[in-house]
Protein backbone atom coordinates (compact mmCIF):
# COMPACT_ATOMS: atom_id res chain seq x y z
CA MET A 1 3.19 9.35 4.15
CA ARG A 2 4.89 7.94 1.05
CA ILE A 3 3.20 4.91 -0.47
CA ASP A 4 6.30 2.72 -0.24
CA LYS A 5 6.55 3.38 3.49
CA TYR A 6 2.79 2.86 3.97
CA LEU A 7 2.95 -0.55 2.27
CA LYS A 8 5.74 -1.58 4.64
CA VAL A 9 4.13 -0.18 7.82
CA SER A 10 0.79 -1.83 6.96
CA ARG A 11 2.68 -5.04 6.15
CA LEU A 12 1.01 -5.39 2.75
CA ILE A 13 4.58 -5.71 1.41
CA LYS A 14 7.33 -7.03 3.65
CA ARG A 15 10.18 -4.61 2.85
CA ARG A 16 10.24 -0.98 1.76
CA ALA A 17 12.76 -1.72 -1.00
CA VAL A 18 10.35 -4.29 -2.47
CA ALA A 19 7.48 -1.78 -2.23
CA ASN A 20 9.63 0.84 -3.97
CA GLU A 21 10.48 -1.63 -6.74
CA ALA A 22 6.80 -2.56 -7.19
CA CYS A 23 5.95 1.14 -7.66
CA ASP A 24 8.76 1.57 -10.20
CA GLN A 25 7.44 -1.42 -12.18
CA GLY A 26 3.90 0.02 -12.28
CA ARG A 27 2.33 -2.71 -10.14
CA ILE A 28 0.74 -0.29 -7.65
CA THR A 29 -2.29 1.79 -8.60
CA VAL A 30 -4.21 4.27 -6.45
CA ASN A 31 -7.71 5.32 -7.47
CA GLY A 32 -7.11 3.79 -10.91
CA ARG A 33 -3.79 5.57 -11.59
CA VAL A 34 -0.29 4.06 -11.58
CA VAL A 35 1.73 5.87 -8.89
CA LYS A 36 5.37 6.38 -8.03
CA ALA A 37 6.89 5.50 -4.65
CA SER A 38 6.72 9.16 -3.59
CA TYR A 39 2.89 9.29 -3.86
CA ASP A 40 1.34 10.73 -0.68
CA VAL A 41 -1.21 8.25 0.75
CA LYS A 42 -4.47 9.68 2.11
CA GLU A 43 -7.37 8.10 3.97
CA GLY A 44 -10.02 6.83 1.57
CA ASP A 45 -7.57 5.98 -1.24
CA VAL A 46 -8.30 2.69 -3.02
CA MET A 47 -5.09 0.80 -3.74
CA GLU A 48 -4.57 -2.11 -6.11
CA ILE A 49 -1.40 -4.16 -5.64
CA LYS A 50 -0.36 -6.72 -8.25
CA LEU A 51 1.94 -9.38 -6.82
CA GLY A 52 2.53 -12.07 -9.42
CA GLU A 53 -0.85 -13.63 -10.19
CA ARG A 54 -2.49 -12.14 -7.08
CA VAL A 55 -4.23 -8.77 -7.08
CA ILE A 56 -5.02 -7.19 -3.72
CA ARG A 57 -7.49 -4.28 -3.51
CA VAL A 58 -7.57 -2.30 -0.27
CA ARG A 59 -9.04 0.96 0.98
CA VAL A 60 -6.82 3.08 3.22
CA VAL A 61 -8.58 3.52 6.57
CA ASN A 62 -5.80 5.09 8.62
CA VAL A 63 -2.29 6.42 8.08
CA ALA A 64 0.14 5.93 10.99
CA GLU A 65 3.94 6.12 11.21
CA HIS A 66 4.30 3.15 13.55
CA VAL A 67 1.95 0.29 14.41
CA LEU A 68 2.36 -3.02 16.16
CA LYS A 69 2.32 -6.18 14.07
CA ASN A 70 -1.11 -7.18 15.37
CA ASP A 71 -2.58 -3.75 14.57
CA ALA A 72 -1.18 -3.43 11.03
CA SER A 73 -4.36 -4.75 9.40
CA SER A 74 -6.35 -1.91 11.03
CA LEU A 75 -4.71 0.55 8.59
CA TYR A 76 -6.66 -0.82 5.62
CA GLU A 77 -9.73 -2.83 4.63
CA VAL A 78 -9.69 -5.43 1.87
CA ILE A 79 -12.10 -4.88 -1.03
CA ASN A 80 -13.18 -7.62 -3.43
């Protein structure tokens, strides 16, 4: 699954267009590398998302096309 779609499905970023823009601006890194929106997300990837002053680090636990709102957080685990 593309990283921009994963960020939307997991609800880490609200809209896919915003996720795509964040990738274009170099604010998304996976395993220490800046990635484009077309990057293919795999289980075990460590993602760092820079949103303004906040930095969110998560590990991909599951990749699913569709999840319910309540289950979205089961796709990743937050790392500090």
